[in-house]
């Protein structure tokens, strides 16, 4: 079947992508509830066993990247064949929009509630301390450590591709693995993480987008509205994937980052500005002061259920995001890639978290919307709570329209990134530009398959599969660190 395809395509990677997508889907579709339970229990067992690896390893990774960035090897420039060089603004926009989807704005509004409901029963903390930790943990989970996890593959891939331009853009290609069995396992882990990440991203984003459109148009959220939303997003990101990074992802990212900044500033102005600014300063100060403690604390409900989950999630997404970052980082030094990725990504996430979290907390403290009670007692969905929070502001309809546009573009840029990465990995050499037909093929695969799972209640299963993939990725990260050390010591820096 694959004999007559483009000779520059890597048939094994394409075959693994299609077959793995079908196998995972069939496993989930046969019995969504049963598979979700089995996978969740597997994840819980693994997260408890590997908690220390996730917590200490993530903190150690951040330190390792800082050491590389500050060392003489930080001046080493990544050189990629047939890749354009982007301005700082375009590069920053693409790495942020590619690494963060619509879920950022979702969790920015409601994540603090999860920690508040856990900590409010801790008798050793007063209410002020409970709120401080509730504000700080979202900043911690979406901040420096998360982006360090994304950054490591970008650094490893960037060095390897500069030294060996014809390497394949997969784990096996970058690590130079020749053994067929090891190569097959590495490629399955690489592609599987991308497929699951795309499936979860779609499953979590569409309910929020549909809820916002439903509220703006004052219509009931129905299957028909969801299908319309899916078709609209599919058209946008399919077109963007077809035209490529320069005309597609770059333009969408630049537009979206500008709109996001404008949207958040308007929320700040229309909302309780003084409250948000005052508590933002306190939140950042508290997070920085307690960063080491939060990084190394183990055995708590938050560390096991949330910190480990987030580090596992970022690890599972890192093959896609890291590969995309290196693809847009031509002529950037390792220092620029490391500090740019960690600080630009973190500042963008923290800015969003501070404004939307503190807006939601102000409504809770004033008694307008008791988010913790509503969520704890399942009186409202998180998606609806996000809409209710924004609806509390003046000009809420206009804000929700802008919000829906941001969500759609965020979703599209994330899917563009996944499509581009899979298409690039499917070429025999990393220096080859992926063909348009290949990008369209993966664009269709990444939409149709997760959409089917979403309506068969299979998203939770894909979520647990994705984070289960992160456990073997812990060991692959050690291999990537070894690859970085081996390669940098072969570089002559004067």
Protein backbone atom coordinates (compact mmCIF):
# COMPACT_ATOMS: atom_id res chain seq x y z
CA UNK A 1 0.00 0.00 0.00
CA UNK A 2 2.90 2.35 0.81
CA UNK A 3 5.04 1.45 -2.24
CA UNK A 4 3.92 4.33 -4.43
CA UNK A 5 4.08 7.15 -1.89
CA UNK A 6 6.63 9.97 -1.87
CA UNK A 7 10.12 8.38 -1.69
CA UNK A 8 11.19 11.01 0.87
CA UNK A 9 8.54 9.88 3.35
CA UNK A 10 9.53 7.69 6.27
CA UNK A 11 7.10 4.80 5.78
CA UNK A 12 7.71 3.25 9.20
CA UNK A 13 6.84 6.46 11.07
CA UNK A 14 3.70 7.00 8.97
CA UNK A 15 2.63 3.39 9.49
CA UNK A 16 3.24 3.55 13.26
CA UNK A 17 1.21 6.78 13.49
CA UNK A 18 -1.81 5.39 11.65
CA UNK A 19 -1.75 1.93 13.27
CA UNK A 20 -1.10 3.26 16.80
CA UNK A 21 -3.95 5.75 16.38
CA UNK A 22 -6.33 2.97 15.36
CA UNK A 23 -5.19 0.57 18.11
CA UNK A 24 -5.55 3.17 20.87
CA UNK A 25 -8.96 4.21 19.54
CA UNK A 26 -10.26 0.63 19.34
CA UNK A 27 -9.03 -0.08 22.87
CA UNK A 28 -10.88 2.94 24.21
CA UNK A 29 -14.03 2.64 22.08
CA UNK A 30 -14.74 -1.00 22.99
CA UNK A 31 -15.48 -0.04 26.60
CA UNK A 32 -14.75 3.63 27.44
CA UNK A 33 -15.72 3.44 31.12
CA UNK A 34 -13.85 0.18 31.77
CA UNK A 35 -10.71 1.30 29.92
CA UNK A 36 -10.77 4.64 31.75
CA UNK A 37 -10.97 2.92 35.15
CA UNK A 38 -8.15 0.48 34.34
CA UNK A 39 -5.92 3.22 32.96
CA UNK A 40 -6.65 5.61 35.84
CA UNK A 41 -5.78 2.93 38.41
CA UNK A 42 -2.59 2.17 36.48
CA UNK A 43 -1.66 5.86 36.48
CA UNK A 44 -2.38 6.20 40.23
CA UNK A 45 -0.13 3.23 41.00
CA UNK A 46 2.64 4.59 38.78
CA UNK A 47 2.35 8.15 40.13
CA UNK A 48 2.72 6.92 43.70
CA UNK A 49 5.69 4.74 42.85
CA UNK A 50 7.48 7.31 40.70
CA UNK A 51 6.49 10.44 42.68
CA UNK A 52 10.04 11.14 43.84
CA UNK A 53 11.40 10.70 40.31
CA UNK A 54 8.90 13.23 38.95
CA UNK A 55 9.35 15.79 41.74
CA UNK A 56 13.13 15.68 42.23
CA UNK A 57 13.81 14.97 38.56
CA UNK A 58 11.85 18.00 37.35
CA UNK A 59 13.62 20.32 39.79
CA UNK A 60 16.98 18.83 38.80
CA UNK A 61 16.13 19.31 35.13
CA UNK A 62 15.48 23.02 35.68
CA UNK A 63 18.87 23.38 37.39
CA UNK A 64 20.59 21.40 34.60
CA UNK A 65 19.19 23.67 31.87
CA UNK A 66 20.18 26.80 33.78
CA UNK A 67 23.74 25.46 34.07
CA UNK A 68 23.87 24.79 30.31
CA UNK A 69 22.42 28.23 29.59
CA UNK A 70 24.95 30.06 31.79
CA UNK A 71 27.91 27.95 30.63
CA UNK A 72 30.10 28.72 27.64
CA UNK A 73 28.07 26.20 25.64
CA UNK A 74 25.07 28.50 25.89
CA UNK A 75 26.52 30.52 23.01
CA UNK A 76 26.31 27.50 20.66
CA UNK A 77 23.95 28.36 17.78
CA UNK A 78 21.43 25.91 16.41
CA UNK A 79 21.70 25.67 12.62
CA UNK A 80 18.89 23.92 10.74
CA UNK A 81 18.89 23.28 7.00
CA UNK A 82 15.95 24.71 5.01
CA UNK A 83 14.42 26.39 8.09
CA UNK A 84 13.72 30.14 8.20
CA UNK A 85 14.92 32.45 10.97
CA UNK A 86 12.17 34.24 12.90
CA UNK A 87 12.07 37.55 14.72
CA UNK A 88 11.97 37.50 18.52
CA UNK A 89 8.25 38.40 18.57
CA UNK A 90 7.24 35.73 16.03
CA UNK A 91 9.44 33.12 17.69
CA UNK A 92 8.08 33.96 21.14
CA UNK A 93 4.49 33.91 19.86
CA UNK A 94 4.89 30.54 18.17
CA UNK A 95 6.59 28.78 21.08
CA UNK A 96 3.96 30.12 23.50
CA UNK A 97 0.94 29.43 21.26
CA UNK A 98 2.29 26.03 20.24
CA UNK A 99 3.04 25.01 23.81
CA UNK A 100 -0.17 26.24 25.41
CA UNK A 101 -3.69 25.56 24.16
CA UNK A 102 -7.15 26.66 25.20
CA UNK A 103 -6.68 24.76 28.46
CA UNK A 104 -4.55 27.63 29.84
CA UNK A 105 -7.51 30.02 29.95
CA UNK A 106 -9.71 27.21 31.27
CA UNK A 107 -7.45 26.35 34.21
CA UNK A 108 -6.47 30.00 34.83
CA UNK A 109 -10.00 30.60 36.06
CA UNK A 110 -10.73 27.44 38.05
CA UNK A 111 -7.53 25.63 39.07
CA UNK A 112 -7.14 27.56 42.34
CA UNK A 113 -10.45 26.00 43.46
CA UNK A 114 -8.96 22.49 43.45
CA UNK A 115 -6.21 23.49 45.88
CA UNK A 116 -8.54 25.55 48.04
CA UNK A 117 -10.90 22.59 48.50
CA UNK A 118 -7.94 20.40 49.53
CA UNK A 119 -6.25 22.91 51.86
CA UNK A 120 -9.32 24.40 53.54
CA UNK A 121 -9.45 21.34 55.83
CA UNK A 122 -5.80 21.73 56.87
CA UNK A 123 -5.99 23.00 60.46
CA UNK A 124 -2.35 24.15 60.39
CA UNK A 125 -3.21 26.86 57.82
CA UNK A 126 -5.35 29.96 58.30
CA UNK A 127 -7.65 31.20 55.53
CA UNK A 128 -5.09 33.70 54.24
CA UNK A 129 -2.43 30.98 53.89
CA UNK A 130 -4.93 28.65 52.18
CA UNK A 131 -5.67 31.36 49.60
CA UNK A 132 -1.97 32.13 49.13
CA UNK A 133 -1.17 28.48 48.38
CA UNK A 134 -4.28 28.24 46.17
CA UNK A 135 -3.07 31.23 44.17
CA UNK A 136 0.55 30.08 44.04
CA UNK A 137 0.17 26.46 42.94
CA UNK A 138 -1.32 27.29 39.49
CA UNK A 139 1.65 29.63 38.89
CA UNK A 140 4.01 26.86 39.98
CA UNK A 141 2.42 24.16 37.81
CA UNK A 142 2.36 26.34 34.67
CA UNK A 143 5.66 28.08 35.29
CA UNK A 144 9.41 27.49 35.14
CA UNK A 145 9.46 23.72 35.74
CA UNK A 146 6.77 23.02 33.16
CA UNK A 147 8.59 24.95 30.44
CA UNK A 148 11.90 23.35 31.41
CA UNK A 149 10.29 19.98 30.64
CA UNK A 150 9.28 21.33 27.21
CA UNK A 151 12.72 22.83 26.69
CA UNK A 152 14.95 19.76 27.16
CA UNK A 153 13.93 17.98 23.91
CA UNK A 154 14.35 21.27 22.03
CA UNK A 155 17.92 21.61 23.31
CA UNK A 156 18.79 17.95 22.66
CA UNK A 157 17.25 18.02 19.18
CA UNK A 158 18.81 21.40 18.33
CA UNK A 159 22.35 20.29 19.15
CA UNK A 160 21.99 16.89 17.47
CA UNK A 161 20.47 18.32 14.27
CA UNK A 162 23.16 20.98 14.03
CA UNK A 163 25.93 18.39 14.34
CA UNK A 164 24.15 15.79 12.18
CA UNK A 165 21.69 17.61 9.85
CA UNK A 166 20.40 14.43 8.22
CA UNK A 167 19.16 12.83 11.45
CA UNK A 168 15.52 11.77 11.58
CA UNK A 169 13.35 14.00 13.75
CA UNK A 170 12.34 11.28 16.25
CA UNK A 171 13.84 9.97 19.49
CA UNK A 172 15.55 7.12 17.65
CA UNK A 173 16.97 9.48 15.04
CA UNK A 174 18.27 12.06 17.52
CA UNK A 175 19.73 9.43 19.85
CA UNK A 176 21.29 7.58 16.92
CA UNK A 177 19.71 4.22 17.73
CA UNK A 178 20.31 1.56 15.07
CA UNK A 179 18.83 -1.51 16.76
CA UNK A 180 15.46 -2.14 15.08
CA UNK A 181 13.61 -3.15 18.27
CA UNK A 182 14.88 -0.18 20.30
CA UNK A 183 14.16 2.13 17.38
CA UNK A 184 10.60 0.81 17.09
CA UNK A 185 9.97 1.26 20.85
CA UNK A 186 11.36 4.82 20.84
CA UNK A 187 9.28 5.80 17.81
CA UNK A 188 6.11 4.36 19.38
CA UNK A 189 6.68 6.40 22.55
CA UNK A 190 7.40 9.54 20.52
CA UNK A 191 4.37 9.25 18.24
CA UNK A 192 2.04 7.86 20.92
CA UNK A 193 2.66 10.84 23.19
CA UNK A 194 1.83 13.24 20.34
CA UNK A 195 -1.38 11.40 19.38
CA UNK A 196 -2.62 11.24 22.97
CA UNK A 197 -1.69 14.85 23.61
CA UNK A 198 -3.71 15.92 20.59
CA UNK A 199 -6.66 13.76 21.63
CA UNK A 200 -6.76 15.18 25.16
CA UNK A 201 -6.32 18.75 23.93
CA UNK A 202 -9.33 18.48 21.66
CA UNK A 203 -11.44 16.69 24.26
CA UNK A 204 -10.82 19.36 26.90
CA UNK A 205 -11.01 22.39 24.61
CA UNK A 206 -14.19 21.79 22.64
CA UNK A 207 -16.57 21.64 25.64
CA UNK A 208 -15.29 25.07 26.74
CA UNK A 209 -15.49 26.57 23.24
CA UNK A 210 -19.02 25.23 22.74
CA UNK A 211 -20.08 26.51 26.16
CA UNK A 212 -18.83 30.01 25.36
CA UNK A 213 -20.52 30.08 21.93
CA UNK A 214 -23.72 28.76 23.50
CA UNK A 215 -23.73 31.59 26.06
CA UNK A 216 -22.87 34.31 23.53
CA UNK A 217 -25.64 33.23 21.14
CA UNK A 218 -28.08 32.42 23.98
CA UNK A 219 -28.74 28.98 22.56
CA UNK A 220 -28.60 25.52 24.06
CA UNK A 221 -25.38 23.60 23.66
CA UNK A 222 -26.33 20.71 21.38
CA UNK A 223 -24.59 18.06 19.33
CA UNK A 224 -25.19 20.22 16.24
CA UNK A 225 -23.43 23.22 17.83
CA UNK A 226 -20.47 21.03 18.79
CA UNK A 227 -20.21 19.69 15.23
CA UNK A 228 -20.31 23.25 13.84
CA UNK A 229 -17.51 24.27 16.22
CA UNK A 230 -15.41 21.25 15.22
CA UNK A 231 -15.90 21.94 11.51
CA UNK A 232 -14.97 25.61 11.95
CA UNK A 233 -11.79 24.83 13.90
CA UNK A 234 -10.88 21.98 11.53
CA UNK A 235 -11.13 24.28 8.53
CA UNK A 236 -8.93 26.94 10.15
CA UNK A 237 -6.19 24.65 11.34
CA UNK A 238 -6.34 22.38 8.27
CA UNK A 239 -5.80 25.43 6.04
CA UNK A 240 -3.02 26.70 8.29
CA UNK A 241 -1.30 23.29 8.31
CA UNK A 242 -1.52 23.18 4.50
CA UNK A 243 0.17 26.53 3.94
CA UNK A 244 2.89 25.78 6.54
CA UNK A 245 4.62 27.59 9.37
CA UNK A 246 5.58 30.82 7.61
CA UNK A 247 2.09 31.70 6.36
CA UNK A 248 -0.01 29.66 8.76
CA UNK A 249 1.18 29.03 12.30
CA UNK A 250 3.31 32.20 12.42
CA UNK A 251 0.43 34.49 11.48
CA UNK A 252 -2.09 32.77 13.76
CA UNK A 253 0.36 32.88 16.68
CA UNK A 254 1.21 36.56 16.20
CA UNK A 255 -2.47 37.48 16.00
CA UNK A 256 -3.46 35.37 18.99
CA UNK A 257 -0.75 36.58 21.35
CA UNK A 258 -1.73 40.19 20.60
CA UNK A 259 -5.42 39.42 21.22
CA UNK A 260 -4.65 37.51 24.45
CA UNK A 261 -2.65 40.43 25.88
CA UNK A 262 -5.41 42.87 24.95
CA UNK A 263 -8.11 40.59 26.40
CA UNK A 264 -6.33 40.12 29.73
CA UNK A 265 -5.64 43.86 30.08
CA UNK A 266 -9.33 44.60 29.44
CA UNK A 267 -10.34 42.03 32.07
CA UNK A 268 -7.91 43.71 34.46
CA UNK A 269 -9.42 47.14 33.75
CA UNK A 270 -13.06 46.03 33.90
CA UNK A 271 -12.54 43.75 36.89
CA UNK A 272 -11.45 44.58 40.45
CA UNK A 273 -8.13 46.08 39.28
CA UNK A 274 -6.68 46.99 42.65
CA UNK A 275 -7.59 43.60 44.11
CA UNK A 276 -6.03 41.74 41.15
CA UNK A 277 -2.81 43.78 41.15
CA UNK A 278 -2.32 43.60 44.92
CA UNK A 279 -2.92 39.86 45.12
CA UNK A 280 -0.85 39.22 41.99
CA UNK A 281 2.22 40.72 43.66
CA UNK A 282 1.60 38.66 46.79
CA UNK A 283 1.02 35.48 44.75
CA UNK A 284 4.22 35.78 42.71
CA UNK A 285 6.26 36.68 45.79
CA UNK A 286 4.84 33.73 47.73
CA UNK A 287 5.44 31.30 44.84
CA UNK A 288 9.06 32.40 44.38
CA UNK A 289 9.71 32.26 48.12
CA UNK A 290 8.29 28.74 48.37
CA UNK A 291 9.41 27.46 44.95
CA UNK A 292 11.99 25.00 46.28
CA UNK A 293 9.60 23.71 48.94
CA UNK A 294 6.81 23.21 46.38
CA UNK A 295 9.27 21.51 44.00
CA UNK A 296 10.59 19.00 46.53
CA UNK A 297 7.57 18.29 48.75
CA UNK A 298 6.32 14.71 48.38
CA UNK A 299 3.61 12.57 49.94
CA UNK A 300 0.87 15.21 50.01
CA UNK A 301 -2.48 15.15 48.22
CA UNK A 302 -1.43 18.10 46.04
CA UNK A 303 2.00 16.68 45.16
CA UNK A 304 0.63 13.26 44.18
CA UNK A 305 -2.68 14.24 42.58
CA UNK A 306 -1.61 17.50 40.97
CA UNK A 307 2.14 18.15 40.80
CA UNK A 308 2.99 14.64 39.59
CA UNK A 309 0.03 14.73 37.21
CA UNK A 310 1.19 18.03 35.70
CA UNK A 311 4.83 16.96 35.38
CA UNK A 312 3.62 13.73 33.74
CA UNK A 313 1.35 15.71 31.43
CA UNK A 314 4.12 18.10 30.38
CA UNK A 315 6.46 15.15 29.84
CA UNK A 316 3.92 13.49 27.56
CA UNK A 317 3.43 16.71 25.59
CA UNK A 318 7.15 17.54 25.49
CA UNK A 319 8.04 15.42 22.41
CA UNK A 320 5.56 17.46 20.35
CA UNK A 321 6.28 20.87 21.87
CA UNK A 322 10.04 20.39 22.06
CA UNK A 323 10.23 19.29 18.44
CA UNK A 324 8.12 22.24 17.34
CA UNK A 325 10.25 24.70 19.33
CA UNK A 326 13.48 23.49 17.73
CA UNK A 327 11.87 23.67 14.26
CA UNK A 328 11.27 27.40 14.71
CA UNK A 329 14.59 28.12 16.48
CA UNK A 330 17.01 28.28 13.57
CA UNK A 331 20.00 30.54 14.33
CA UNK A 332 19.03 30.80 18.00
CA UNK A 333 21.70 30.08 20.62
CA UNK A 334 21.16 27.45 23.30
CA UNK A 335 21.05 30.31 25.81
CA UNK A 336 18.25 32.00 23.87
CA UNK A 337 16.31 28.75 23.51
CA UNK A 338 16.66 27.81 27.19
CA UNK A 339 15.94 31.15 28.82
CA UNK A 340 13.50 32.22 26.11
CA UNK A 341 11.42 29.06 26.40
CA UNK A 342 11.45 28.95 30.20
CA UNK A 343 10.84 32.65 30.87
CA UNK A 344 8.66 33.66 27.91
CA UNK A 345 6.43 30.62 28.36
CA UNK A 346 6.25 31.04 32.14
CA UNK A 347 5.57 34.78 32.09
CA UNK A 348 2.74 34.32 29.57
CA UNK A 349 1.11 31.59 31.66
CA UNK A 350 1.62 33.41 34.96
CA UNK A 351 0.15 36.63 33.53
CA UNK A 352 -3.01 34.78 32.50
CA UNK A 353 -3.22 32.86 35.78
CA UNK A 354 -2.86 35.98 37.92
CA UNK A 355 -5.61 37.96 36.23
CA UNK A 356 -8.23 35.25 35.74
CA UNK A 357 -7.57 33.43 39.03
CA UNK A 358 -7.78 36.61 41.07
CA UNK A 359 -10.94 37.68 39.23
CA UNK A 360 -12.50 34.35 40.22
CA UNK A 361 -11.21 34.58 43.82
CA UNK A 362 -12.55 38.13 44.18
CA UNK A 363 -16.02 36.85 43.24
CA UNK A 364 -15.64 34.10 45.84
CA UNK A 365 -14.53 36.47 48.61
CA UNK A 366 -17.30 38.95 47.83
CA UNK A 367 -19.89 36.16 47.93
CA UNK A 368 -20.95 36.67 44.29
CA UNK A 369 -19.86 33.25 42.98
CA UNK A 370 -18.84 30.54 45.45
CA UNK A 371 -16.70 28.54 43.04
CA UNK A 372 -15.27 26.05 45.60
CA UNK A 373 -18.75 25.06 46.80
CA UNK A 374 -20.16 24.83 43.28
CA UNK A 375 -17.34 22.56 42.08
CA UNK A 376 -17.09 20.47 45.25
CA UNK A 377 -20.80 19.63 45.16
CA UNK A 378 -20.97 19.22 41.35
CA UNK A 379 -23.52 22.04 41.07
CA UNK A 380 -21.88 23.41 37.92
CA UNK A 381 -19.32 22.25 35.36
CA UNK A 382 -15.92 23.92 35.24
CA UNK A 383 -16.67 25.14 31.69
CA UNK A 384 -19.85 26.84 32.87
CA UNK A 385 -18.04 28.38 35.83
CA UNK A 386 -15.48 29.93 33.46
CA UNK A 387 -18.35 31.47 31.46
CA UNK A 388 -20.11 32.68 34.65
CA UNK A 389 -16.88 34.30 35.87
CA UNK A 390 -16.40 36.32 32.67
CA UNK A 391 -20.13 37.12 32.55
CA UNK A 392 -19.76 38.97 35.86
CA UNK A 393 -17.93 41.80 34.05
CA UNK A 394 -19.37 44.68 32.05
CA UNK A 395 -19.53 44.15 28.29
CA UNK A 396 -19.46 40.41 29.01
CA UNK A 397 -20.93 39.46 25.63
CA UNK A 398 -18.13 41.23 23.78
CA UNK A 399 -15.56 39.70 26.13
CA UNK A 400 -16.97 36.21 25.58
CA UNK A 401 -16.84 36.67 21.81
CA UNK A 402 -13.16 37.68 22.03
CA UNK A 403 -12.60 34.82 24.47
CA UNK A 404 -14.08 32.31 22.01
CA UNK A 405 -11.86 33.65 19.21
CA UNK A 406 -8.80 33.22 21.44
CA UNK A 407 -9.82 29.67 22.36
CA UNK A 408 -10.32 28.69 18.72
CA UNK A 409 -6.99 30.15 17.58
CA UNK A 410 -5.15 28.59 20.56
CA UNK A 411 -6.63 25.22 19.67
CA UNK A 412 -5.69 25.66 16.02
CA UNK A 413 -2.08 26.68 16.73
CA UNK A 414 -1.63 23.70 19.04
CA UNK A 415 -3.00 21.34 16.39
CA UNK A 416 -0.93 23.03 13.72
CA UNK A 417 2.13 22.30 15.84
CA UNK A 418 1.18 18.63 16.27
CA UNK A 419 0.50 18.25 12.55
CA UNK A 420 3.76 19.92 11.60
CA UNK A 421 5.77 17.79 14.04
CA UNK A 422 4.25 14.51 12.86
CA UNK A 423 4.77 15.50 9.22
CA UNK A 424 8.39 16.52 9.90
CA UNK A 425 9.05 13.27 11.76
CA UNK A 426 7.65 11.38 8.76
CA UNK A 427 10.40 12.62 6.45
CA UNK A 428 13.54 10.52 5.99
CA UNK A 429 15.74 13.49 6.94
CA UNK A 430 15.05 16.42 9.26
CA UNK A 431 16.41 18.82 6.64
CA UNK A 432 13.57 17.92 4.25
CA UNK A 433 10.47 20.11 4.26
CA UNK A 434 7.33 18.07 4.89
CA UNK A 435 4.91 17.89 1.98
CA UNK A 436 1.53 19.63 2.08
CA UNK A 437 -0.36 16.39 1.42
CA UNK A 438 1.32 14.77 4.45
CA UNK A 439 0.39 17.70 6.68
CA UNK A 440 -3.23 17.49 5.51
CA UNK A 441 -3.27 13.71 6.16
CA UNK A 442 -2.20 14.20 9.77
CA UNK A 443 -4.52 17.19 10.18
CA UNK A 444 -7.49 14.96 9.29
CA UNK A 445 -6.24 12.12 11.51
CA UNK A 446 -5.76 14.42 14.50
CA UNK A 447 -9.30 15.81 14.25
CA UNK A 448 -11.47 12.85 13.25
CA UNK A 449 -10.04 10.32 15.69
CA UNK A 450 -10.14 12.39 18.92
CA UNK A 451 -13.55 13.82 17.99
CA UNK A 452 -14.97 10.32 17.76
CA UNK A 453 -13.46 9.46 21.13
CA UNK A 454 -14.86 12.61 22.71
CA UNK A 455 -18.42 11.69 21.85
CA UNK A 456 -17.93 8.14 23.01
CA UNK A 457 -16.66 9.34 26.42
CA UNK A 458 -13.16 8.16 25.66
CA UNK A 459 -11.27 11.38 26.43
CA UNK A 460 -10.49 10.34 30.01
CA UNK A 461 -8.92 7.12 28.74
CA UNK A 462 -6.67 9.07 26.37
CA UNK A 463 -5.74 11.41 29.23
CA UNK A 464 -4.57 8.50 31.36
CA UNK A 465 -2.79 6.86 28.41
CA UNK A 466 -0.97 10.12 27.80
CA UNK A 467 0.32 10.46 31.35
CA UNK A 468 1.20 6.73 31.49
CA UNK A 469 3.40 7.40 28.45
CA UNK A 470 5.32 9.86 30.62
CA UNK A 471 6.81 7.11 32.84
CA UNK A 472 9.07 5.61 30.14
CA UNK A 473 9.74 9.17 28.99
CA UNK A 474 11.47 9.73 32.35
CA UNK A 475 14.16 7.31 31.20
CA UNK A 476 14.25 8.78 27.68
CA UNK A 477 14.87 12.19 29.26
CA UNK A 478 17.93 10.73 30.96
CA UNK A 479 19.09 9.58 27.53
CA UNK A 480 18.47 13.08 26.13
CA UNK A 481 20.51 14.61 28.97
CA UNK A 482 23.34 12.16 28.21
CA UNK A 483 23.04 13.09 24.51
CA UNK A 484 23.32 16.80 25.36
CA UNK A 485 26.39 16.28 27.56
CA UNK A 486 28.08 14.05 24.99
CA UNK A 487 27.41 16.49 22.16
CA UNK A 488 28.33 19.72 23.96
CA UNK A 489 31.67 18.32 25.06
CA UNK A 490 32.42 17.57 21.40
CA UNK A 491 31.79 21.22 20.51
CA UNK A 492 34.77 23.55 20.38
CA UNK A 493 33.77 26.85 21.98
CA UNK A 494 36.40 29.58 22.04
